[in-house]
Amino acid sequence: MENVKIVDETDRFQSIDEINGKFDMLYASYQDVLMTIKNSNEELNDVQRQLLLTIEKKNNKISSMNNRIRELQQNIIEIEQHIDKIQTKINNY
C-alpha cells in the first residue's frame, strides 16, 4: 500500500512537471508570437510612412504640374489677345 502511495505521488509530480514543461513551452511560443507581431507592426508602420511620403511627393508633383498648366493656359490667352489686337489693327488699316 505504501508503494502505491509513493507511485501516486511520483505520478503527480511527473504530471506537474509535464504541465510546467508545457506551460513553459506555450509561454515561449507566446513570446515568439508577440515578437513576430511587434516586428510585423514595425514593418507595417515603415511601409505606411514610405507610402505617405510617396503620396505626398506625387501630390506635390501634381500640384506643380497643375500650376504650370495654368501658366501655359494664361500664356495662350495672352497670345490670343495679342493676336486679336494685331488682327484688329490689320483690319482697320
PDB file of N, CA and C in Angstrom:
ATOM      1  N   MET A   1       0.820  -1.196   0.000  1.00  0.00           N
ATOM      2  CA  MET A   1       0.000   0.000   0.000  1.00  0.00           C
ATOM      3  C   MET A   1       0.863   1.258   0.000  1.00  0.00           C
ATOM      4  N   GLU A   2       1.932   1.216   0.760  1.00  0.00           N
ATOM      5  CA  GLU A   2       2.858   2.347   0.835  1.00  0.00           C
ATOM      6  C   GLU A   2       3.494   2.599  -0.527  1.00  0.00           C
ATOM      7  N   ASN A   3       3.813   1.540  -1.251  1.00  0.00           N
ATOM      8  CA  ASN A   3       4.409   1.667  -2.586  1.00  0.00           C
ATOM      9  C   ASN A   3       3.441   2.330  -3.557  1.00  0.00           C
ATOM     10  N   VAL A   4       2.172   2.011  -3.416  1.00  0.00           N
ATOM     11  CA  VAL A   4       1.154   2.599  -4.281  1.00  0.00           C
ATOM     12  C   VAL A   4       1.080   4.099  -4.036  1.00  0.00           C
ATOM     13  N   LYS A   5       1.153   4.524  -2.769  1.00  0.00           N
ATOM     14  CA  LYS A   5       1.121   5.952  -2.441  1.00  0.00           C
ATOM     15  C   LYS A   5       2.326   6.665  -3.039  1.00  0.00           C
ATOM     16  N   ILE A   6       3.483   6.034  -2.939  1.00  0.00           N
ATOM     17  CA  ILE A   6       4.704   6.637  -3.490  1.00  0.00           C
ATOM     18  C   ILE A   6       4.577   6.770  -4.998  1.00  0.00           C
ATOM     19  N   VAL A   7       4.060   5.743  -5.639  1.00  0.00           N
ATOM     20  CA  VAL A   7       3.870   5.782  -7.090  1.00  0.00           C
ATOM     21  C   VAL A   7       2.878   6.879  -7.448  1.00  0.00           C
ATOM     22  N   ASP A   8       1.781   6.988  -6.691  1.00  0.00           N
ATOM     23  CA  ASP A   8       0.789   8.036  -6.949  1.00  0.00           C
ATOM     24  C   ASP A   8       1.415   9.416  -6.804  1.00  0.00           C
ATOM     25  N   GLU A   9       2.193   9.612  -5.733  1.00  0.00           N
ATOM     26  CA  GLU A   9       2.847  10.905  -5.520  1.00  0.00           C
ATOM     27  C   GLU A   9       3.844  11.185  -6.639  1.00  0.00           C
ATOM     28  N   THR A  10       4.584  10.182  -7.036  1.00  0.00           N
ATOM     29  CA  THR A  10       5.561  10.345  -8.121  1.00  0.00           C
ATOM     30  C   THR A  10       4.843  10.701  -9.415  1.00  0.00           C
ATOM     31  N   ASP A  11       3.732  10.023  -9.685  1.00  0.00           N
ATOM     32  CA  ASP A  11       2.942  10.325 -10.888  1.00  0.00           C
ATOM     33  C   ASP A  11       2.430  11.763 -10.859  1.00  0.00           C
ATOM     34  N   ARG A  12       2.011  12.213  -9.672  1.00  0.00           N
ATOM     35  CA  ARG A  12       1.518  13.588  -9.554  1.00  0.00           C
ATOM     36  C   ARG A  12       2.627  14.587  -9.853  1.00  0.00           C
ATOM     37  N   PHE A  13       3.802  14.333  -9.298  1.00  0.00           N
ATOM     38  CA  PHE A  13       4.923  15.246  -9.548  1.00  0.00           C
ATOM     39  C   PHE A  13       5.320  15.232 -11.024  1.00  0.00           C
ATOM     40  N   GLN A  14       5.270  14.042 -11.632  1.00  0.00           N
ATOM     41  CA  GLN A  14       5.578  13.970 -13.061  1.00  0.00           C
ATOM     42  C   GLN A  14       4.530  14.742 -13.859  1.00  0.00           C
ATOM     43  N   SER A  15       3.264  14.626 -13.447  1.00  0.00           N
ATOM     44  CA  SER A  15       2.200  15.371 -14.125  1.00  0.00           C
ATOM     45  C   SER A  15       2.412  16.869 -13.964  1.00  0.00           C
ATOM     46  N   ILE A  16       2.784  17.288 -12.753  1.00  0.00           N
ATOM     47  CA  ILE A  16       3.048  18.712 -12.521  1.00  0.00           C
ATOM     48  C   ILE A  16       4.234  19.166 -13.359  1.00  0.00           C
ATOM     49  N   ASP A  17       5.281  18.331 -13.409  1.00  0.00           N
ATOM     50  CA  ASP A  17       6.447  18.668 -14.233  1.00  0.00           C
ATOM     51  C   ASP A  17       6.061  18.774 -15.710  1.00  0.00           C
ATOM     52  N   GLU A  18       5.199  17.851 -16.165  1.00  0.00           N
ATOM     53  CA  GLU A  18       4.740  17.904 -17.560  1.00  0.00           C
ATOM     54  C   GLU A  18       3.941  19.180 -17.815  1.00  0.00           C
ATOM     55  N   ILE A  19       3.070  19.510 -16.878  1.00  0.00           N
ATOM     56  CA  ILE A  19       2.258  20.729 -17.018  1.00  0.00           C
ATOM     57  C   ILE A  19       3.159  21.952 -17.038  1.00  0.00           C
ATOM     58  N   ASN A  20       4.137  21.988 -16.122  1.00  0.00           N
ATOM     59  CA  ASN A  20       5.078  23.110 -16.103  1.00  0.00           C
ATOM     60  C   ASN A  20       5.870  23.190 -17.407  1.00  0.00           C
ATOM     61  N   GLY A  21       6.291  22.032 -17.905  1.00  0.00           N
ATOM     62  CA  GLY A  21       7.029  21.999 -19.170  1.00  0.00           C
ATOM     63  C   GLY A  21       6.174  22.509 -20.323  1.00  0.00           C
ATOM     64  N   LYS A  22       4.930  22.069 -20.365  1.00  0.00           N
ATOM     65  CA  LYS A  22       4.018  22.538 -21.415  1.00  0.00           C
ATOM     66  C   LYS A  22       3.760  24.035 -21.282  1.00  0.00           C
ATOM     67  N   PHE A  23       3.586  24.490 -20.031  1.00  0.00           N
ATOM     68  CA  PHE A  23       3.376  25.916 -19.808  1.00  0.00           C
ATOM     69  C   PHE A  23       4.578  26.714 -20.307  1.00  0.00           C
ATOM     70  N   ASP A  24       5.782  26.260 -19.941  1.00  0.00           N
ATOM     71  CA  ASP A  24       6.996  26.958 -20.382  1.00  0.00           C
ATOM     72  C   ASP A  24       7.084  26.998 -21.905  1.00  0.00           C
ATOM     73  N   MET A  25       6.744  25.865 -22.542  1.00  0.00           N
ATOM     74  CA  MET A  25       6.781  25.799 -23.999  1.00  0.00           C
ATOM     75  C   MET A  25       5.744  26.757 -24.602  1.00  0.00           C
ATOM     76  N   LEU A  26       4.534  26.747 -24.055  1.00  0.00           N
ATOM     77  CA  LEU A  26       3.480  27.633 -24.557  1.00  0.00           C
ATOM     78  C   LEU A  26       3.828  29.097 -24.319  1.00  0.00           C
ATOM     79  N   TYR A  27       4.414  29.384 -23.168  1.00  0.00           N
ATOM     80  CA  TYR A  27       4.789  30.766 -22.870  1.00  0.00           C
ATOM     81  C   TYR A  27       5.887  31.241 -23.822  1.00  0.00           C
ATOM     82  N   ALA A  28       6.851  30.362 -24.105  1.00  0.00           N
ATOM     83  CA  ALA A  28       7.908  30.712 -25.064  1.00  0.00           C
ATOM     84  C   ALA A  28       7.302  30.952 -26.447  1.00  0.00           C
ATOM     85  N   SER A  29       6.349  30.114 -26.838  1.00  0.00           N
ATOM     86  CA  SER A  29       5.669  30.311 -28.124  1.00  0.00           C
ATOM     87  C   SER A  29       4.905  31.625 -28.131  1.00  0.00           C
ATOM     88  N   TYR A  30       4.251  31.925 -27.028  1.00  0.00           N
ATOM     89  CA  TYR A  30       3.515  33.182 -26.884  1.00  0.00           C
ATOM     90  C   TYR A  30       4.460  34.372 -27.046  1.00  0.00           C
ATOM     91  N   GLN A  31       5.617  34.305 -26.398  1.00  0.00           N
ATOM     92  CA  GLN A  31       6.605  35.380 -26.519  1.00  0.00           C
ATOM     93  C   GLN A  31       7.074  35.527 -27.970  1.00  0.00           C
ATOM     94  N   ASP A  32       7.285  34.391 -28.654  1.00  0.00           N
ATOM     95  CA  ASP A  32       7.683  34.433 -30.069  1.00  0.00           C
ATOM     96  C   ASP A  32       6.605  35.097 -30.919  1.00  0.00           C
ATOM     97  N   VAL A  33       5.344  34.750 -30.650  1.00  0.00           N
ATOM     98  CA  VAL A  33       4.233  35.347 -31.404  1.00  0.00           C
ATOM     99  C   VAL A  33       4.169  36.849 -31.147  1.00  0.00           C
ATOM    100  N   LEU A  34       4.336  37.251 -29.883  1.00  0.00           N
ATOM    101  CA  LEU A  34       4.333  38.687 -29.568  1.00  0.00           C
ATOM    102  C   LEU A  34       5.454  39.417 -30.304  1.00  0.00           C
ATOM    103  N   MET A  35       6.634  38.813 -30.346  1.00  0.00           N
ATOM    104  CA  MET A  35       7.767  39.433 -31.032  1.00  0.00           C
ATOM    105  C   MET A  35       7.495  39.521 -32.536  1.00  0.00           C
ATOM    106  N   THR A  36       6.901  38.473 -33.091  1.00  0.00           N
ATOM    107  CA  THR A  36       6.560  38.488 -34.514  1.00  0.00           C
ATOM    108  C   THR A  36       5.548  39.586 -34.809  1.00  0.00           C
ATOM    109  N   ILE A  37       4.541  39.723 -33.951  1.00  0.00           N
ATOM    110  CA  ILE A  37       3.535  40.778 -34.127  1.00  0.00           C
ATOM    111  C   ILE A  37       4.187  42.149 -34.032  1.00  0.00           C
ATOM    112  N   LYS A  38       5.063  42.327 -33.047  1.00  0.00           N
ATOM    113  CA  LYS A  38       5.746  43.614 -32.870  1.00  0.00           C
ATOM    114  C   LYS A  38       6.571  43.950 -34.109  1.00  0.00           C
ATOM    115  N   ASN A  39       7.338  42.968 -34.590  1.00  0.00           N
ATOM    116  CA  ASN A  39       8.162  43.202 -35.780  1.00  0.00           C
ATOM    117  C   ASN A  39       7.298  43.491 -37.006  1.00  0.00           C
ATOM    118  N   SER A  40       6.197  42.755 -37.125  1.00  0.00           N
ATOM    119  CA  SER A  40       5.292  42.979 -38.256  1.00  0.00           C
ATOM    120  C   SER A  40       4.682  44.374 -38.193  1.00  0.00           C
ATOM    121  N   ASN A  41       4.309  44.800 -37.000  1.00  0.00           N
ATOM    122  CA  ASN A  41       3.741  46.145 -36.841  1.00  0.00           C
ATOM    123  C   ASN A  41       4.765  47.216 -37.179  1.00  0.00           C
ATOM    124  N   GLU A  42       6.013  47.000 -36.774  1.00  0.00           N
ATOM    125  CA  GLU A  42       7.064  47.963 -37.101  1.00  0.00           C
ATOM    126  C   GLU A  42       7.276  48.034 -38.613  1.00  0.00           C
ATOM    127  N   GLU A  43       7.303  46.867 -39.264  1.00  0.00           N
ATOM    128  CA  GLU A  43       7.448  46.845 -40.720  1.00  0.00           C
ATOM    129  C   GLU A  43       6.264  47.528 -41.390  1.00  0.00           C
ATOM    130  N   LEU A  44       5.060  47.250 -40.895  1.00  0.00           N
ATOM    131  CA  LEU A  44       3.861  47.875 -41.450  1.00  0.00           C
ATOM    132  C   LEU A  44       3.924  49.388 -41.296  1.00  0.00           C
ATOM    133  N   ASN A  45       4.344  49.858 -40.129  1.00  0.00           N
ATOM    134  CA  ASN A  45       4.472  51.300 -39.905  1.00  0.00           C
ATOM    135  C   ASN A  45       5.495  51.914 -40.852  1.00  0.00           C
ATOM    136  N   ASP A  46       6.609  51.216 -41.083  1.00  0.00           N
ATOM    137  CA  ASP A  46       7.620  51.712 -42.023  1.00  0.00           C
ATOM    138  C   ASP A  46       7.043  51.821 -43.432  1.00  0.00           C
ATOM    139  N   VAL A  47       6.319  50.791 -43.848  1.00  0.00           N
ATOM    140  CA  VAL A  47       5.719  50.800 -45.188  1.00  0.00           C
ATOM    141  C   VAL A  47       4.678  51.910 -45.294  1.00  0.00           C
ATOM    142  N   GLN A  48       3.887  52.107 -44.247  1.00  0.00           N
ATOM    143  CA  GLN A  48       2.884  53.176 -44.264  1.00  0.00           C
ATOM    144  C   GLN A  48       3.550  54.547 -44.354  1.00  0.00           C
ATOM    145  N   ARG A  49       4.659  54.733 -43.624  1.00  0.00           N
ATOM    146  CA  ARG A  49       5.386  56.008 -43.704  1.00  0.00           C
ATOM    147  C   ARG A  49       5.927  56.228 -45.120  1.00  0.00           C
ATOM    148  N   GLN A  50       6.490  55.176 -45.705  1.00  0.00           N
ATOM    149  CA  GLN A  50       7.006  55.288 -47.073  1.00  0.00           C
ATOM    150  C   GLN A  50       5.879  55.612 -48.046  1.00  0.00           C
ATOM    151  N   LEU A  51       4.738  54.975 -47.862  1.00  0.00           N
ATOM    152  CA  LEU A  51       3.590  55.231 -48.731  1.00  0.00           C
ATOM    153  C   LEU A  51       3.133  56.678 -48.603  1.00  0.00           C
ATOM    154  N   LEU A  52       3.040  57.172 -47.374  1.00  0.00           N
ATOM    155  CA  LEU A  52       2.618  58.560 -47.167  1.00  0.00           C
ATOM    156  C   LEU A  52       3.607  59.540 -47.792  1.00  0.00           C
ATOM    157  N   LEU A  53       4.907  59.258 -47.662  1.00  0.00           N
ATOM    158  CA  LEU A  53       5.910  60.128 -48.285  1.00  0.00           C
ATOM    159  C   LEU A  53       5.781  60.109 -49.802  1.00  0.00           C
ATOM    160  N   THR A  54       5.573  58.926 -50.356  1.00  0.00           N
ATOM    161  CA  THR A  54       5.415  58.804 -51.806  1.00  0.00           C
ATOM    162  C   THR A  54       4.179  59.557 -52.274  1.00  0.00           C
ATOM    163  N   ILE A  55       3.074  59.404 -51.560  1.00  0.00           N
ATOM    164  CA  ILE A  55       1.836  60.111 -51.916  1.00  0.00           C
ATOM    165  C   ILE A  55       2.049  61.615 -51.829  1.00  0.00           C
ATOM    166  N   GLU A  56       2.737  62.066 -50.782  1.00  0.00           N
ATOM    167  CA  GLU A  56       2.996  63.495 -50.627  1.00  0.00           C
ATOM    168  C   GLU A  56       3.845  64.023 -51.784  1.00  0.00           C
ATOM    169  N   LYS A  57       4.873  63.266 -52.164  1.00  0.00           N
ATOM    170  CA  LYS A  57       5.726  63.686 -53.288  1.00  0.00           C
ATOM    171  C   LYS A  57       4.922  63.738 -54.586  1.00  0.00           C
ATOM    172  N   LYS A  58       4.101  62.726 -54.811  1.00  0.00           N
ATOM    173  CA  LYS A  58       3.273  62.696 -56.026  1.00  0.00           C
ATOM    174  C   LYS A  58       2.288  63.861 -56.028  1.00  0.00           C
ATOM    175  N   ASN A  59       1.667  64.134 -54.891  1.00  0.00           N
ATOM    176  CA  ASN A  59       0.718  65.252 -54.807  1.00  0.00           C
ATOM    177  C   ASN A  59       1.411  66.581 -55.069  1.00  0.00           C
ATOM    178  N   ASN A  60       2.624  66.735 -54.532  1.00  0.00           N
ATOM    179  CA  ASN A  60       3.389  67.958 -54.794  1.00  0.00           C
ATOM    180  C   ASN A  60       3.721  68.086 -56.278  1.00  0.00           C
ATOM    181  N   LYS A  61       4.081  66.972 -56.901  1.00  0.00           N
ATOM    182  CA  LYS A  61       4.399  66.978 -58.334  1.00  0.00           C
ATOM    183  C   LYS A  61       3.153  67.338 -59.142  1.00  0.00           C
ATOM    184  N   ILE A  62       2.024  66.751 -58.793  1.00  0.00           N
ATOM    185  CA  ILE A  62       0.768  67.052 -59.491  1.00  0.00           C
ATOM    186  C   ILE A  62       0.415  68.524 -59.330  1.00  0.00           C
ATOM    187  N   SER A  63       0.556  69.036 -58.125  1.00  0.00           N
ATOM    188  CA  SER A  63       0.264  70.446 -57.875  1.00  0.00           C
ATOM    189  C   SER A  63       1.175  71.344 -58.710  1.00  0.00           C
ATOM    190  N   SER A  64       2.436  71.001 -58.757  1.00  0.00           N
ATOM    191  CA  SER A  64       3.394  71.769 -59.554  1.00  0.00           C
ATOM    192  C   SER A  64       3.026  71.731 -61.038  1.00  0.00           C
ATOM    193  N   MET A  65       2.654  70.557 -61.520  1.00  0.00           N
ATOM    194  CA  MET A  65       2.266  70.428 -62.930  1.00  0.00           C
ATOM    195  C   MET A  65       0.986  71.213 -63.214  1.00  0.00           C
ATOM    196  N   ASN A  66       0.037  71.181 -62.289  1.00  0.00           N
ATOM    197  CA  ASN A  66      -1.197  71.953 -62.465  1.00  0.00           C
ATOM    198  C   ASN A  66      -0.907  73.451 -62.517  1.00  0.00           C
ATOM    199  N   ASN A  67       0.014  73.901 -61.669  1.00  0.00           N
ATOM    200  CA  ASN A  67       0.406  75.315 -61.704  1.00  0.00           C
ATOM    201  C   ASN A  67       1.029  75.670 -63.048  1.00  0.00           C
ATOM    202  N   ARG A  68       1.862  74.790 -63.551  1.00  0.00           N
ATOM    203  CA  ARG A  68       2.500  75.031 -64.856  1.00  0.00           C
ATOM    204  C   ARG A  68       1.453  75.064 -65.970  1.00  0.00           C
ATOM    205  N   ILE A  69       0.485  74.179 -65.911  1.00  0.00           N
ATOM    206  CA  ILE A  69      -0.596  74.170 -66.908  1.00  0.00           C
ATOM    207  C   ILE A  69      -1.359  75.487 -66.864  1.00  0.00           C
ATOM    208  N   ARG A  70      -1.663  75.987 -65.661  1.00  0.00           N
ATOM    209  CA  ARG A  70      -2.357  77.277 -65.539  1.00  0.00           C
ATOM    210  C   ARG A  70      -1.525  78.406 -66.164  1.00  0.00           C
ATOM    211  N   GLU A  71      -0.230  78.380 -65.913  1.00  0.00           N
ATOM    212  CA  GLU A  71       0.646  79.401 -66.507  1.00  0.00           C
ATOM    213  C   GLU A  71       0.599  79.335 -68.033  1.00  0.00           C
ATOM    214  N   LEU A  72       0.678  78.135 -68.558  1.00  0.00           N
ATOM    215  CA  LEU A  72       0.654  77.973 -70.016  1.00  0.00           C
ATOM    216  C   LEU A  72      -0.695  78.394 -70.596  1.00  0.00           C
ATOM    217  N   GLN A  73      -1.775  78.053 -69.896  1.00  0.00           N
ATOM    218  CA  GLN A  73      -3.097  78.476 -70.360  1.00  0.00           C
ATOM    219  C   GLN A  73      -3.207  79.997 -70.352  1.00  0.00           C
ATOM    220  N   GLN A  74      -2.666  80.618 -69.320  1.00  0.00           N
ATOM    221  CA  GLN A  74      -2.682  82.082 -69.261  1.00  0.00           C
ATOM    222  C   GLN A  74      -1.850  82.666 -70.403  1.00  0.00           C
ATOM    223  N   ASN A  75      -0.721  82.038 -70.696  1.00  0.00           N
ATOM    224  CA  ASN A  75       0.103  82.490 -71.826  1.00  0.00           C
ATOM    225  C   ASN A  75      -0.665  82.393 -73.142  1.00  0.00           C
ATOM    226  N   ILE A  76      -1.392  81.307 -73.308  1.00  0.00           N
ATOM    227  CA  ILE A  76      -2.195  81.137 -74.531  1.00  0.00           C
ATOM    228  C   ILE A  76      -3.226  82.256 -74.637  1.00  0.00           C
ATOM    229  N   ILE A  77      -3.900  82.540 -73.533  1.00  0.00           N
ATOM    230  CA  ILE A  77      -4.909  83.610 -73.530  1.00  0.00           C
ATOM    231  C   ILE A  77      -4.267  84.943 -73.910  1.00  0.00           C
ATOM    232  N   GLU A  78      -3.116  85.238 -73.322  1.00  0.00           N
ATOM    233  CA  GLU A  78      -2.432  86.499 -73.625  1.00  0.00           C
ATOM    234  C   GLU A  78      -1.990  86.559 -75.088  1.00  0.00           C
ATOM    235  N   ILE A  79      -1.505  85.450 -75.599  1.00  0.00           N
ATOM    236  CA  ILE A  79      -1.091  85.410 -77.012  1.00  0.00           C
ATOM    237  C   ILE A  79      -2.302  85.587 -77.921  1.00  0.00           C
ATOM    238  N   GLU A  80      -3.408  84.924 -77.601  1.00  0.00           N
ATOM    239  CA  GLU A  80      -4.624  85.071 -78.407  1.00  0.00           C
ATOM    240  C   GLU A  80      -5.120  86.514 -78.383  1.00  0.00           C
ATOM    241  N   GLN A  81      -5.052  87.138 -77.208  1.00  0.00           N
ATOM    242  CA  GLN A  81      -5.465  88.544 -77.109  1.00  0.00           C
ATOM    243  C   GLN A  81      -4.546  89.434 -77.952  1.00  0.00           C
ATOM    244  N   HIS A  82      -3.278  89.151 -77.915  1.00  0.00           N
ATOM    245  CA  HIS A  82      -2.321  89.921 -78.710  1.00  0.00           C
ATOM    246  C   HIS A  82      -2.590  89.728 -80.211  1.00  0.00           C
ATOM    247  N   ILE A  83      -2.866  88.500 -80.593  1.00  0.00           N
ATOM    248  CA  ILE A  83      -3.193  88.214 -81.997  1.00  0.00           C
ATOM    249  C   ILE A  83      -4.460  88.963 -82.397  1.00  0.00           C
ATOM    250  N   ASP A  84      -5.457  88.966 -81.521  1.00  0.00           N
ATOM    251  CA  ASP A  84      -6.703  89.686 -81.805  1.00  0.00           C
ATOM    252  C   ASP A  84      -6.436  91.181 -82.008  1.00  0.00           C
ATOM    253  N   LYS A  85      -5.576  91.764 -81.186  1.00  0.00           N
ATOM    254  CA  LYS A  85      -5.238  93.181 -81.328  1.00  0.00           C
ATOM    255  C   LYS A  85      -4.564  93.436 -82.670  1.00  0.00           C
ATOM    256  N   ILE A  86      -3.637  92.562 -83.005  1.00  0.00           N
ATOM    257  CA  ILE A  86      -2.946  92.720 -84.292  1.00  0.00           C
ATOM    258  C   ILE A  86      -3.938  92.566 -85.435  1.00  0.00           C
ATOM    259  N   GLN A  87      -4.811  91.583 -85.334  1.00  0.00           N
ATOM    260  CA  GLN A  87      -5.814  91.351 -86.380  1.00  0.00           C
ATOM    261  C   GLN A  87      -6.735  92.565 -86.510  1.00  0.00           C
ATOM    262  N   THR A  88      -7.102  93.149 -85.396  1.00  0.00           N
ATOM    263  CA  THR A  88      -7.946  94.340 -85.411  1.00  0.00           C
ATOM    264  C   THR A  88      -7.215  95.491 -86.089  1.00  0.00           C
ATOM    265  N   LYS A  89      -5.952  95.682 -85.776  1.00  0.00           N
ATOM    266  CA  LYS A  89      -5.160  96.741 -86.409  1.00  0.00           C
ATOM    267  C   LYS A  89      -5.066  96.518 -87.912  1.00  0.00           C
ATOM    268  N   ILE A  90      -4.848  95.261 -88.287  1.00  0.00           N
ATOM    269  CA  ILE A  90      -4.745  94.951 -89.720  1.00  0.00           C
ATOM    270  C   ILE A  90      -6.074  95.240 -90.404  1.00  0.00           C
ATOM    271  N   ASN A  91      -7.158  94.846 -89.782  1.00  0.00           N
ATOM    272  CA  ASN A  91      -8.477  95.058 -90.377  1.00  0.00           C
ATOM    273  C   ASN A  91      -8.829  96.542 -90.460  1.00  0.00           C
ATOM    274  N   ASN A  92      -8.345  97.321 -89.511  1.00  0.00           N
ATOM    275  CA  ASN A  92      -8.633  98.751 -89.500  1.00  0.00           C
ATOM    276  C   ASN A  92      -7.664  99.545 -90.370  1.00  0.00           C
ATOM    277  N   TYR A  93      -6.665  98.970 -90.843  1.00  0.00           N
ATOM    278  CA  TYR A  93      -5.649  99.672 -91.621  1.00  0.00           C
ATOM    279  C   TYR A  93      -6.091 100.018 -92.990  1.00  0.00           C
TER     280      TYR A  93
END
